[in-house]
């Protein structure tokens, strides 16, 4: 089996919605790294000109390559990344090798049939 790593940088208020969308479309789990900071093209300024940072979380999904693009698209839809500036961003990377995922491999093998 070949895998992809999907990395999503999201507003912490969207984490649950994005996790649900990813699971509905084949993700078997995620690692969540809380409390990241992010800044877009323009720094948001609040009262007295102080910087206002929204809380971000980093979501990591190791997914089977045939599911990766669909999961990525559903994450984008759930988080409204293309509709709302600053909502988040997600990307996928090739994974060379994976260990510790034997139970997920068995489940995915049954779901994917001939694709593996």
PDB file of N, CA and C in Angstrom:
ATOM      1  N   UNK A   1       0.834  -1.184   0.000  1.00  0.00           N
ATOM      2  CA  UNK A   1       0.000   0.000   0.000  1.00  0.00           C
ATOM      3  C   UNK A   1       0.874   1.241   0.000  1.00  0.00           C
ATOM      4  N   UNK A   2       0.382   2.265  -0.653  1.00  0.00           N
ATOM      5  CA  UNK A   2       1.090   3.538  -0.676  1.00  0.00           C
ATOM      6  C   UNK A   2       0.228   4.560   0.056  1.00  0.00           C
ATOM      7  N   UNK A   3       0.904   5.456   0.752  1.00  0.00           N
ATOM      8  CA  UNK A   3       0.205   6.429   1.578  1.00  0.00           C
ATOM      9  C   UNK A   3       0.593   7.850   1.226  1.00  0.00           C
ATOM     10  N   UNK A   4      -0.266   8.757   1.601  1.00  0.00           N
ATOM     11  CA  UNK A   4      -0.033  10.197   1.524  1.00  0.00           C
ATOM     12  C   UNK A   4      -0.223  10.759   2.929  1.00  0.00           C
ATOM     13  N   UNK A   5       0.457  11.847   3.205  1.00  0.00           N
ATOM     14  CA  UNK A   5       0.254  12.583   4.449  1.00  0.00           C
ATOM     15  C   UNK A   5      -0.485  13.858   4.096  1.00  0.00           C
ATOM     16  N   UNK A   6      -1.662  14.025   4.669  1.00  0.00           N
ATOM     17  CA  UNK A   6      -2.411  15.273   4.504  1.00  0.00           C
ATOM     18  C   UNK A   6      -2.154  16.101   5.742  1.00  0.00           C
ATOM     19  N   UNK A   7      -1.716  17.328   5.533  1.00  0.00           N
ATOM     20  CA  UNK A   7      -1.451  18.268   6.612  1.00  0.00           C
ATOM     21  C   UNK A   7      -2.424  19.430   6.434  1.00  0.00           C
ATOM     22  N   UNK A   8      -3.217  19.686   7.464  1.00  0.00           N
ATOM     23  CA  UNK A   8      -4.188  20.780   7.411  1.00  0.00           C
ATOM     24  C   UNK A   8      -3.906  21.758   8.551  1.00  0.00           C
ATOM     25  N   UNK A   9      -3.803  23.018   8.211  1.00  0.00           N
ATOM     26  CA  UNK A   9      -3.619  24.096   9.184  1.00  0.00           C
ATOM     27  C   UNK A   9      -4.967  24.802   9.265  1.00  0.00           C
ATOM     28  N   UNK A  10      -5.655  24.678  10.411  1.00  0.00           N
ATOM     29  CA  UNK A  10      -7.045  25.129  10.480  1.00  0.00           C
ATOM     30  C   UNK A  10      -7.313  25.993  11.711  1.00  0.00           C
ATOM     31  N   UNK A  11      -8.303  26.841  11.577  1.00  0.00           N
ATOM     32  CA  UNK A  11      -8.832  27.583  12.714  1.00  0.00           C
ATOM     33  C   UNK A  11      -9.361  26.546  13.697  1.00  0.00           C
ATOM     34  N   UNK A  12      -9.018  26.666  14.960  1.00  0.00           N
ATOM     35  CA  UNK A  12      -9.382  25.623  15.934  1.00  0.00           C
ATOM     36  C   UNK A  12     -10.887  25.402  16.051  1.00  0.00           C
ATOM     37  N   UNK A  13     -11.693  26.371  15.663  1.00  0.00           N
ATOM     38  CA  UNK A  13     -13.148  26.200  15.711  1.00  0.00           C
ATOM     39  C   UNK A  13     -13.645  25.251  14.624  1.00  0.00           C
ATOM     40  N   UNK A  14     -12.808  24.977  13.625  1.00  0.00           N
ATOM     41  CA  UNK A  14     -13.197  24.115  12.510  1.00  0.00           C
ATOM     42  C   UNK A  14     -12.696  22.677  12.644  1.00  0.00           C
ATOM     43  N   UNK A  15     -11.888  22.406  13.658  1.00  0.00           N
ATOM     44  CA  UNK A  15     -11.248  21.095  13.780  1.00  0.00           C
ATOM     45  C   UNK A  15     -12.248  19.943  13.751  1.00  0.00           C
ATOM     46  N   UNK A  16     -13.278  19.991  14.559  1.00  0.00           N
ATOM     47  CA  UNK A  16     -14.253  18.907  14.617  1.00  0.00           C
ATOM     48  C   UNK A  16     -14.938  18.663  13.286  1.00  0.00           C
ATOM     49  N   UNK A  17     -15.330  19.720  12.630  1.00  0.00           N
ATOM     50  CA  UNK A  17     -16.001  19.632  11.336  1.00  0.00           C
ATOM     51  C   UNK A  17     -15.080  18.998  10.287  1.00  0.00           C
ATOM     52  N   UNK A  18     -13.816  19.367  10.316  1.00  0.00           N
ATOM     53  CA  UNK A  18     -12.851  18.841   9.352  1.00  0.00           C
ATOM     54  C   UNK A  18     -12.527  17.380   9.646  1.00  0.00           C
ATOM     55  N   UNK A  19     -12.379  17.032  10.919  1.00  0.00           N
ATOM     56  CA  UNK A  19     -12.148  15.634  11.289  1.00  0.00           C
ATOM     57  C   UNK A  19     -13.313  14.760  10.835  1.00  0.00           C
ATOM     58  N   UNK A  20     -14.532  15.213  11.035  1.00  0.00           N
ATOM     59  CA  UNK A  20     -15.713  14.457  10.613  1.00  0.00           C
ATOM     60  C   UNK A  20     -15.722  14.244   9.096  1.00  0.00           C
ATOM     61  N   UNK A  21     -15.426  15.290   8.350  1.00  0.00           N
ATOM     62  CA  UNK A  21     -15.413  15.189   6.880  1.00  0.00           C
ATOM     63  C   UNK A  21     -14.343  14.208   6.413  1.00  0.00           C
ATOM     64  N   UNK A  22     -13.167  14.261   7.013  1.00  0.00           N
ATOM     65  CA  UNK A  22     -12.085  13.356   6.629  1.00  0.00           C
ATOM     66  C   UNK A  22     -12.452  11.904   6.933  1.00  0.00           C
ATOM     67  N   UNK A  23     -13.016  11.659   8.097  1.00  0.00           N
ATOM     68  CA  UNK A  23     -13.421  10.291   8.460  1.00  0.00           C
ATOM     69  C   UNK A  23     -14.521   9.760   7.533  1.00  0.00           C
ATOM     70  N   UNK A  24     -15.483  10.596   7.193  1.00  0.00           N
ATOM     71  CA  UNK A  24     -16.576  10.184   6.306  1.00  0.00           C
ATOM     72  C   UNK A  24     -16.068   9.735   4.944  1.00  0.00           C
ATOM     73  N   UNK A  25     -14.886  10.209   4.564  1.00  0.00           N
ATOM     74  CA  UNK A  25     -14.369   9.914   3.231  1.00  0.00           C
ATOM     75  C   UNK A  25     -13.112   9.043   3.255  1.00  0.00           C
ATOM     76  N   UNK A  26     -12.889   8.329   4.373  1.00  0.00           N
ATOM     77  CA  UNK A  26     -11.863   7.301   4.376  1.00  0.00           C
ATOM     78  C   UNK A  26     -10.698   7.456   5.329  1.00  0.00           C
ATOM     79  N   UNK A  27     -10.541   8.596   5.970  1.00  0.00           N
ATOM     80  CA  UNK A  27      -9.445   8.742   6.937  1.00  0.00           C
ATOM     81  C   UNK A  27      -9.734   7.852   8.141  1.00  0.00           C
ATOM     82  N   UNK A  28      -8.715   7.139   8.606  1.00  0.00           N
ATOM     83  CA  UNK A  28      -8.914   6.225   9.729  1.00  0.00           C
ATOM     84  C   UNK A  28      -8.534   6.851  11.061  1.00  0.00           C
ATOM     85  N   UNK A  29      -8.061   8.072  11.047  1.00  0.00           N
ATOM     86  CA  UNK A  29      -7.692   8.762  12.271  1.00  0.00           C
ATOM     87  C   UNK A  29      -6.877   9.995  11.941  1.00  0.00           C
ATOM     88  N   UNK A  30      -6.445  10.688  12.972  1.00  0.00           N
ATOM     89  CA  UNK A  30      -5.668  11.910  12.776  1.00  0.00           C
ATOM     90  C   UNK A  30      -4.818  12.183  14.005  1.00  0.00           C
ATOM     91  N   UNK A  31      -3.772  12.921  13.799  1.00  0.00           N
ATOM     92  CA  UNK A  31      -2.987  13.469  14.896  1.00  0.00           C
ATOM     93  C   UNK A  31      -3.247  14.965  14.903  1.00  0.00           C
ATOM     94  N   UNK A  32      -3.542  15.504  16.074  1.00  0.00           N
ATOM     95  CA  UNK A  32      -3.852  16.931  16.203  1.00  0.00           C
ATOM     96  C   UNK A  32      -2.756  17.594  17.018  1.00  0.00           C
ATOM     97  N   UNK A  33      -2.155  18.606  16.437  1.00  0.00           N
ATOM     98  CA  UNK A  33      -1.152  19.400  17.137  1.00  0.00           C
ATOM     99  C   UNK A  33      -1.818  20.737  17.470  1.00  0.00           C
ATOM    100  N   UNK A  34      -2.088  20.977  18.752  1.00  0.00           N
ATOM    101  CA  UNK A  34      -2.812  22.194  19.128  1.00  0.00           C
ATOM    102  C   UNK A  34      -1.909  23.426  19.199  1.00  0.00           C
ATOM    103  N   UNK A  35      -2.523  24.558  19.189  1.00  0.00           N
ATOM    104  CA  UNK A  35      -1.912  25.846  19.466  1.00  0.00           C
ATOM    105  C   UNK A  35      -0.754  26.204  18.552  1.00  0.00           C
ATOM    106  N   UNK A  36      -1.050  26.272  17.281  1.00  0.00           N
ATOM    107  CA  UNK A  36      -0.101  26.820  16.314  1.00  0.00           C
ATOM    108  C   UNK A  36      -0.524  28.258  16.028  1.00  0.00           C
ATOM    109  N   UNK A  37       0.389  29.050  15.527  1.00  0.00           N
ATOM    110  CA  UNK A  37       0.048  30.424  15.144  1.00  0.00           C
ATOM    111  C   UNK A  37       0.190  30.553  13.651  1.00  0.00           C
ATOM    112  N   UNK A  38      -0.645  31.360  13.063  1.00  0.00           N
ATOM    113  CA  UNK A  38      -0.566  31.575  11.626  1.00  0.00           C
ATOM    114  C   UNK A  38      -0.891  33.011  11.285  1.00  0.00           C
ATOM    115  N   UNK A  39      -0.380  33.431  10.154  1.00  0.00           N
ATOM    116  CA  UNK A  39      -0.659  34.775   9.685  1.00  0.00           C
ATOM    117  C   UNK A  39      -0.762  34.736   8.177  1.00  0.00           C
ATOM    118  N   UNK A  40      -1.788  35.337   7.636  1.00  0.00           N
ATOM    119  CA  UNK A  40      -2.003  35.365   6.197  1.00  0.00           C
ATOM    120  C   UNK A  40      -1.260  36.516   5.541  1.00  0.00           C
ATOM    121  N   UNK A  41      -1.763  36.919   4.392  1.00  0.00           N
ATOM    122  CA  UNK A  41      -1.116  38.003   3.647  1.00  0.00           C
ATOM    123  C   UNK A  41      -1.120  39.305   4.435  1.00  0.00           C
ATOM    124  N   UNK A  42      -2.170  39.536   5.190  1.00  0.00           N
ATOM    125  CA  UNK A  42      -2.281  40.758   5.983  1.00  0.00           C
ATOM    126  C   UNK A  42      -2.391  40.386   7.452  1.00  0.00           C
ATOM    127  N   UNK A  43      -1.604  41.033   8.281  1.00  0.00           N
ATOM    128  CA  UNK A  43      -1.703  40.805   9.725  1.00  0.00           C
ATOM    129  C   UNK A  43      -2.995  41.451  10.229  1.00  0.00           C
ATOM    130  N   UNK A  44      -3.740  40.714  11.031  1.00  0.00           N
ATOM    131  CA  UNK A  44      -4.967  41.258  11.601  1.00  0.00           C
ATOM    132  C   UNK A  44      -4.604  42.114  12.809  1.00  0.00           C
ATOM    133  N   UNK A  45      -5.107  43.322  12.810  1.00  0.00           N
ATOM    134  CA  UNK A  45      -4.837  44.238  13.919  1.00  0.00           C
ATOM    135  C   UNK A  45      -6.110  44.467  14.707  1.00  0.00           C
ATOM    136  N   UNK A  46      -5.962  44.466  15.997  1.00  0.00           N
ATOM    137  CA  UNK A  46      -7.099  44.690  16.876  1.00  0.00           C
ATOM    138  C   UNK A  46      -7.021  46.054  17.518  1.00  0.00           C
ATOM    139  N   UNK A  47      -7.522  46.129  18.711  1.00  0.00           N
ATOM    140  CA  UNK A  47      -7.554  47.377  19.452  1.00  0.00           C
ATOM    141  C   UNK A  47      -6.139  47.896  19.711  1.00  0.00           C
ATOM    142  N   UNK A  48      -5.923  49.153  19.605  1.00  0.00           N
ATOM    143  CA  UNK A  48      -4.641  49.824  19.795  1.00  0.00           C
ATOM    144  C   UNK A  48      -3.569  49.335  18.821  1.00  0.00           C
ATOM    145  N   UNK A  49      -3.984  48.734  17.690  1.00  0.00           N
ATOM    146  CA  UNK A  49      -3.030  48.284  16.684  1.00  0.00           C
ATOM    147  C   UNK A  49      -2.264  47.029  17.048  1.00  0.00           C
ATOM    148  N   UNK A  50      -2.691  46.329  18.110  1.00  0.00           N
ATOM    149  CA  UNK A  50      -2.007  45.102  18.505  1.00  0.00           C
ATOM    150  C   UNK A  50      -2.393  43.958  17.568  1.00  0.00           C
ATOM    151  N   UNK A  51      -1.460  43.064  17.351  1.00  0.00           N
ATOM    152  CA  UNK A  51      -1.704  41.913  16.499  1.00  0.00           C
ATOM    153  C   UNK A  51      -2.725  40.988  17.141  1.00  0.00           C
ATOM    154  N   UNK A  52      -3.662  40.501  16.336  1.00  0.00           N
ATOM    155  CA  UNK A  52      -4.675  39.566  16.809  1.00  0.00           C
ATOM    156  C   UNK A  52      -4.463  38.248  16.053  1.00  0.00           C
ATOM    157  N   UNK A  53      -4.001  37.247  16.767  1.00  0.00           N
ATOM    158  CA  UNK A  53      -3.769  35.937  16.150  1.00  0.00           C
ATOM    159  C   UNK A  53      -4.919  35.013  16.491  1.00  0.00           C
ATOM    160  N   UNK A  54      -5.443  34.343  15.474  1.00  0.00           N
ATOM    161  CA  UNK A  54      -6.447  33.329  15.762  1.00  0.00           C
ATOM    162  C   UNK A  54      -5.728  32.019  16.060  1.00  0.00           C
ATOM    163  N   UNK A  55      -6.322  31.220  16.915  1.00  0.00           N
ATOM    164  CA  UNK A  55      -5.719  29.927  17.260  1.00  0.00           C
ATOM    165  C   UNK A  55      -5.838  28.986  16.085  1.00  0.00           C
ATOM    166  N   UNK A  56      -4.795  28.266  15.850  1.00  0.00           N
ATOM    167  CA  UNK A  56      -4.728  27.286  14.782  1.00  0.00           C
ATOM    168  C   UNK A  56      -4.396  25.927  15.366  1.00  0.00           C
ATOM    169  N   UNK A  57      -4.814  24.907  14.654  1.00  0.00           N
ATOM    170  CA  UNK A  57      -4.394  23.558  14.979  1.00  0.00           C
ATOM    171  C   UNK A  57      -3.857  22.933  13.700  1.00  0.00           C
ATOM    172  N   UNK A  58      -2.929  22.014  13.864  1.00  0.00           N
ATOM    173  CA  UNK A  58      -2.376  21.285  12.733  1.00  0.00           C
ATOM    174  C   UNK A  58      -2.931  19.865  12.812  1.00  0.00           C
ATOM    175  N   UNK A  59      -3.575  19.441  11.744  1.00  0.00           N
ATOM    176  CA  UNK A  59      -4.148  18.101  11.676  1.00  0.00           C
ATOM    177  C   UNK A  59      -3.318  17.280  10.701  1.00  0.00           C
ATOM    178  N   UNK A  60      -2.905  16.091  11.123  1.00  0.00           N
ATOM    179  CA  UNK A  60      -2.108  15.205  10.289  1.00  0.00           C
ATOM    180  C   UNK A  60      -2.893  13.928  10.029  1.00  0.00           C
ATOM    181  N   UNK A  61      -3.068  13.584   8.771  1.00  0.00           N
ATOM    182  CA  UNK A  61      -3.779  12.377   8.368  1.00  0.00           C
ATOM    183  C   UNK A  61      -2.854  11.543   7.487  1.00  0.00           C
ATOM    184  N   UNK A  62      -2.590  10.298   7.853  1.00  0.00           N
ATOM    185  CA  UNK A  62      -1.883   9.374   6.977  1.00  0.00           C
ATOM    186  C   UNK A  62      -2.964   8.532   6.309  1.00  0.00           C
ATOM    187  N   UNK A  63      -3.114   8.703   4.991  1.00  0.00           N
ATOM    188  CA  UNK A  63      -4.212   8.069   4.275  1.00  0.00           C
ATOM    189  C   UNK A  63      -3.707   7.309   3.053  1.00  0.00           C
ATOM    190  N   UNK A  64      -4.476   6.327   2.612  1.00  0.00           N
ATOM    191  CA  UNK A  64      -4.140   5.567   1.425  1.00  0.00           C
ATOM    192  C   UNK A  64      -4.184   6.508   0.224  1.00  0.00           C
ATOM    193  N   UNK A  65      -3.225   6.363  -0.687  1.00  0.00           N
ATOM    194  CA  UNK A  65      -3.082   7.318  -1.784  1.00  0.00           C
ATOM    195  C   UNK A  65      -4.336   7.453  -2.652  1.00  0.00           C
ATOM    196  N   UNK A  66      -5.113   6.375  -2.831  1.00  0.00           N
ATOM    197  CA  UNK A  66      -6.305   6.462  -3.669  1.00  0.00           C
ATOM    198  C   UNK A  66      -7.415   7.269  -3.013  1.00  0.00           C
ATOM    199  N   UNK A  67      -7.339   7.442  -1.707  1.00  0.00           N
ATOM    200  CA  UNK A  67      -8.344   8.221  -0.979  1.00  0.00           C
ATOM    201  C   UNK A  67      -7.901   9.667  -0.757  1.00  0.00           C
ATOM    202  N   UNK A  68      -6.624   9.937  -0.924  1.00  0.00           N
ATOM    203  CA  UNK A  68      -6.034  11.211  -0.492  1.00  0.00           C
ATOM    204  C   UNK A  68      -6.672  12.428  -1.149  1.00  0.00           C
ATOM    205  N   UNK A  69      -6.802  12.439  -2.453  1.00  0.00           N
ATOM    206  CA  UNK A  69      -7.324  13.632  -3.133  1.00  0.00           C
ATOM    207  C   UNK A  69      -8.765  13.921  -2.713  1.00  0.00           C
ATOM    208  N   UNK A  70      -9.569  12.883  -2.614  1.00  0.00           N
ATOM    209  CA  UNK A  70     -10.969  13.082  -2.204  1.00  0.00           C
ATOM    210  C   UNK A  70     -11.041  13.620  -0.777  1.00  0.00           C
ATOM    211  N   UNK A  71     -10.246  13.065   0.122  1.00  0.00           N
ATOM    212  CA  UNK A  71     -10.226  13.552   1.506  1.00  0.00           C
ATOM    213  C   UNK A  71      -9.764  14.997   1.539  1.00  0.00           C
ATOM    214  N   UNK A  72      -8.731  15.317   0.780  1.00  0.00           N
ATOM    215  CA  UNK A  72      -8.224  16.694   0.715  1.00  0.00           C
ATOM    216  C   UNK A  72      -9.324  17.654   0.258  1.00  0.00           C
ATOM    217  N   UNK A  73     -10.053  17.270  -0.779  1.00  0.00           N
ATOM    218  CA  UNK A  73     -11.134  18.119  -1.286  1.00  0.00           C
ATOM    219  C   UNK A  73     -12.249  18.290  -0.248  1.00  0.00           C
ATOM    220  N   UNK A  74     -12.592  17.213   0.465  1.00  0.00           N
ATOM    221  CA  UNK A  74     -13.660  17.284   1.464  1.00  0.00           C
ATOM    222  C   UNK A  74     -13.234  18.126   2.669  1.00  0.00           C
ATOM    223  N   UNK A  75     -11.952  18.060   3.031  1.00  0.00           N
ATOM    224  CA  UNK A  75     -11.426  18.932   4.090  1.00  0.00           C
ATOM    225  C   UNK A  75     -11.576  20.392   3.669  1.00  0.00           C
ATOM    226  N   UNK A  76     -11.231  20.681   2.425  1.00  0.00           N
ATOM    227  CA  UNK A  76     -11.350  22.047   1.895  1.00  0.00           C
ATOM    228  C   UNK A  76     -12.798  22.526   1.941  1.00  0.00           C
ATOM    229  N   UNK A  77     -13.726  21.667   1.523  1.00  0.00           N
ATOM    230  CA  UNK A  77     -15.150  22.021   1.547  1.00  0.00           C
ATOM    231  C   UNK A  77     -15.639  22.258   2.970  1.00  0.00           C
ATOM    232  N   UNK A  78     -15.318  21.341   3.877  1.00  0.00           N
ATOM    233  CA  UNK A  78     -15.796  21.438   5.258  1.00  0.00           C
ATOM    234  C   UNK A  78     -15.280  22.699   5.943  1.00  0.00           C
ATOM    235  N   UNK A  79     -14.027  23.046   5.666  1.00  0.00           N
ATOM    236  CA  UNK A  79     -13.438  24.229   6.281  1.00  0.00           C
ATOM    237  C   UNK A  79     -13.673  25.511   5.517  1.00  0.00           C
ATOM    238  N   UNK A  80     -14.307  25.402   4.351  1.00  0.00           N
ATOM    239  CA  UNK A  80     -14.563  26.551   3.481  1.00  0.00           C
ATOM    240  C   UNK A  80     -13.280  27.324   3.199  1.00  0.00           C
ATOM    241  N   UNK A  81     -12.204  26.595   2.928  1.00  0.00           N
ATOM    242  CA  UNK A  81     -10.897  27.218   2.707  1.00  0.00           C
ATOM    243  C   UNK A  81     -10.893  28.156   1.508  1.00  0.00           C
ATOM    244  N   UNK A  82     -11.619  27.786   0.443  1.00  0.00           N
ATOM    245  CA  UNK A  82     -11.631  28.616  -0.760  1.00  0.00           C
ATOM    246  C   UNK A  82     -12.641  29.757  -0.683  1.00  0.00           C
ATOM    247  N   UNK A  83     -13.534  29.704   0.289  1.00  0.00           N
ATOM    248  CA  UNK A  83     -14.558  30.742   0.405  1.00  0.00           C
ATOM    249  C   UNK A  83     -14.206  31.814   1.439  1.00  0.00           C
ATOM    250  N   UNK A  84     -13.502  31.436   2.493  1.00  0.00           N
ATOM    251  CA  UNK A  84     -13.228  32.356   3.590  1.00  0.00           C
ATOM    252  C   UNK A  84     -11.720  32.553   3.770  1.00  0.00           C
ATOM    253  N   UNK A  85     -11.287  33.751   3.628  1.00  0.00           N
ATOM    254  CA  UNK A  85      -9.872  34.066   3.833  1.00  0.00           C
ATOM    255  C   UNK A  85      -9.470  33.747   5.268  1.00  0.00           C
ATOM    256  N   UNK A  86      -8.373  33.030   5.429  1.00  0.00           N
ATOM    257  CA  UNK A  86      -7.874  32.716   6.759  1.00  0.00           C
ATOM    258  C   UNK A  86      -8.499  31.492   7.403  1.00  0.00           C
ATOM    259  N   UNK A  87      -9.413  30.801   6.704  1.00  0.00           N
ATOM    260  CA  UNK A  87     -10.074  29.627   7.281  1.00  0.00           C
ATOM    261  C   UNK A  87      -9.095  28.471   7.451  1.00  0.00           C
ATOM    262  N   UNK A  88      -8.155  28.340   6.534  1.00  0.00           N
ATOM    263  CA  UNK A  88      -7.178  27.265   6.640  1.00  0.00           C
ATOM    264  C   UNK A  88      -6.584  26.907   5.304  1.00  0.00           C
ATOM    265  N   UNK A  89      -5.669  25.963   5.364  1.00  0.00           N
ATOM    266  CA  UNK A  89      -5.021  25.461   4.162  1.00  0.00           C
ATOM    267  C   UNK A  89      -4.664  24.001   4.417  1.00  0.00           C
ATOM    268  N   UNK A  90      -4.695  23.199   3.374  1.00  0.00           N
ATOM    269  CA  UNK A  90      -4.333  21.789   3.502  1.00  0.00           C
ATOM    270  C   UNK A  90      -3.477  21.392   2.306  1.00  0.00           C
ATOM    271  N   UNK A  91      -2.607  20.430   2.523  1.00  0.00           N
ATOM    272  CA  UNK A  91      -1.734  19.946   1.469  1.00  0.00           C
ATOM    273  C   UNK A  91      -1.484  18.470   1.665  1.00  0.00           C
ATOM    274  N   UNK A  92      -1.030  17.813   0.607  1.00  0.00           N
ATOM    275  CA  UNK A  92      -0.694  16.399   0.739  1.00  0.00           C
ATOM    276  C   UNK A  92       0.738  16.169   0.284  1.00  0.00           C
ATOM    277  N   UNK A  93       1.394  15.240   0.959  1.00  0.00           N
ATOM    278  CA  UNK A  93       2.781  14.900   0.687  1.00  0.00           C
ATOM    279  C   UNK A  93       2.894  13.394   0.496  1.00  0.00           C
ATOM    280  N   UNK A  94       3.834  12.972  -0.348  1.00  0.00           N
ATOM    281  CA  UNK A  94       4.107  11.548  -0.498  1.00  0.00           C
ATOM    282  C   UNK A  94       4.754  11.017   0.768  1.00  0.00           C
ATOM    283  N   UNK A  95       4.399   9.789   1.126  1.00  0.00           N
ATOM    284  CA  UNK A  95       4.984   9.115   2.284  1.00  0.00           C
ATOM    285  C   UNK A  95       5.789   7.940   1.747  1.00  0.00           C
ATOM    286  N   UNK A  96       7.044   7.868   2.131  1.00  0.00           N
ATOM    287  CA  UNK A  96       7.898   6.801   1.636  1.00  0.00           C
ATOM    288  C   UNK A  96       7.579   5.450   2.268  1.00  0.00           C
ATOM    289  N   UNK A  97       7.323   5.441   3.571  1.00  0.00           N
ATOM    290  CA  UNK A  97       7.085   4.186   4.264  1.00  0.00           C
ATOM    291  C   UNK A  97       6.281   4.453   5.526  1.00  0.00           C
ATOM    292  N   UNK A  98       5.542   3.438   5.978  1.00  0.00           N
ATOM    293  CA  UNK A  98       4.732   3.559   7.190  1.00  0.00           C
ATOM    294  C   UNK A  98       4.890   2.289   8.009  1.00  0.00           C
ATOM    295  N   UNK A  99       5.042   2.441   9.311  1.00  0.00           N
ATOM    296  CA  UNK A  99       4.998   1.312  10.236  1.00  0.00           C
ATOM    297  C   UNK A  99       3.958   1.640  11.304  1.00  0.00           C
ATOM    298  N   UNK A 100       3.417   0.614  11.936  1.00  0.00           N
ATOM    299  CA  UNK A 100       2.451   0.830  13.007  1.00  0.00           C
ATOM    300  C   UNK A 100       1.033   1.049  12.529  1.00  0.00           C
ATOM    301  N   UNK A 101       0.745   0.725  11.284  1.00  0.00           N
ATOM    302  CA  UNK A 101      -0.591   0.959  10.749  1.00  0.00           C
ATOM    303  C   UNK A 101      -1.224  -0.328  10.228  1.00  0.00           C
ATOM    304  N   UNK A 102      -0.842  -1.473  10.787  1.00  0.00           N
ATOM    305  CA  UNK A 102      -1.314  -2.751  10.252  1.00  0.00           C
ATOM    306  C   UNK A 102      -2.833  -2.907  10.332  1.00  0.00           C
ATOM    307  N   UNK A 103      -3.461  -2.435  11.399  1.00  0.00           N
ATOM    308  CA  UNK A 103      -4.918  -2.575  11.494  1.00  0.00           C
ATOM    309  C   UNK A 103      -5.626  -1.716  10.439  1.00  0.00           C
ATOM    310  N   UNK A 104      -5.093  -0.533  10.170  1.00  0.00           N
ATOM    311  CA  UNK A 104      -5.669   0.315   9.129  1.00  0.00           C
ATOM    312  C   UNK A 104      -5.459  -0.303   7.752  1.00  0.00           C
ATOM    313  N   UNK A 105      -4.289  -0.925   7.533  1.00  0.00           N
ATOM    314  CA  UNK A 105      -3.999  -1.548   6.244  1.00  0.00           C
ATOM    315  C   UNK A 105      -4.995  -2.667   5.964  1.00  0.00           C
ATOM    316  N   UNK A 106      -5.290  -3.491   6.967  1.00  0.00           N
ATOM    317  CA  UNK A 106      -6.253  -4.582   6.795  1.00  0.00           C
ATOM    318  C   UNK A 106      -7.638  -4.043   6.438  1.00  0.00           C
ATOM    319  N   UNK A 107      -8.075  -3.013   7.143  1.00  0.00           N
ATOM    320  CA  UNK A 107      -9.379  -2.438   6.889  1.00  0.00           C
ATOM    321  C   UNK A 107      -9.435  -1.822   5.481  1.00  0.00           C
ATOM    322  N   UNK A 108      -8.394  -1.062   5.134  1.00  0.00           N
ATOM    323  CA  UNK A 108      -8.355  -0.417   3.828  1.00  0.00           C
ATOM    324  C   UNK A 108      -8.281  -1.430   2.696  1.00  0.00           C
ATOM    325  N   UNK A 109      -7.562  -2.530   2.904  1.00  0.00           N
ATOM    326  CA  UNK A 109      -7.441  -3.571   1.881  1.00  0.00           C
ATOM    327  C   UNK A 109      -8.830  -4.109   1.531  1.00  0.00           C
ATOM    328  N   UNK A 110      -9.653  -4.299   2.520  1.00  0.00           N
ATOM    329  CA  UNK A 110     -11.010  -4.763   2.273  1.00  0.00           C
ATOM    330  C   UNK A 110     -11.851  -3.744   1.534  1.00  0.00           C
ATOM    331  N   UNK A 111     -11.668  -2.467   1.832  1.00  0.00           N
ATOM    332  CA  UNK A 111     -12.439  -1.400   1.197  1.00  0.00           C
ATOM    333  C   UNK A 111     -11.992  -1.131  -0.236  1.00  0.00           C
ATOM    334  N   UNK A 112     -10.682  -1.202  -0.472  1.00  0.00           N
ATOM    335  CA  UNK A 112     -10.139  -0.780  -1.760  1.00  0.00           C
ATOM    336  C   UNK A 112     -10.078  -1.896  -2.799  1.00  0.00           C
ATOM    337  N   UNK A 113     -10.098  -3.154  -2.351  1.00  0.00           N
ATOM    338  CA  UNK A 113     -10.099  -4.268  -3.290  1.00  0.00           C
ATOM    339  C   UNK A 113      -8.940  -4.258  -4.254  1.00  0.00           C
ATOM    340  N   UNK A 114      -9.199  -4.016  -5.515  1.00  0.00           N
ATOM    341  CA  UNK A 114      -8.202  -4.116  -6.579  1.00  0.00           C
ATOM    342  C   UNK A 114      -7.231  -2.952  -6.669  1.00  0.00           C
ATOM    343  N   UNK A 115      -7.458  -1.881  -5.962  1.00  0.00           N
ATOM    344  CA  UNK A 115      -6.602  -0.703  -6.092  1.00  0.00           C
ATOM    345  C   UNK A 115      -5.241  -0.843  -5.428  1.00  0.00           C
ATOM    346  N   UNK A 116      -5.067  -1.807  -4.527  1.00  0.00           N
ATOM    347  CA  UNK A 116      -3.808  -1.904  -3.798  1.00  0.00           C
ATOM    348  C   UNK A 116      -2.832  -2.844  -4.466  1.00  0.00           C
TER     349      UNK A 116
END
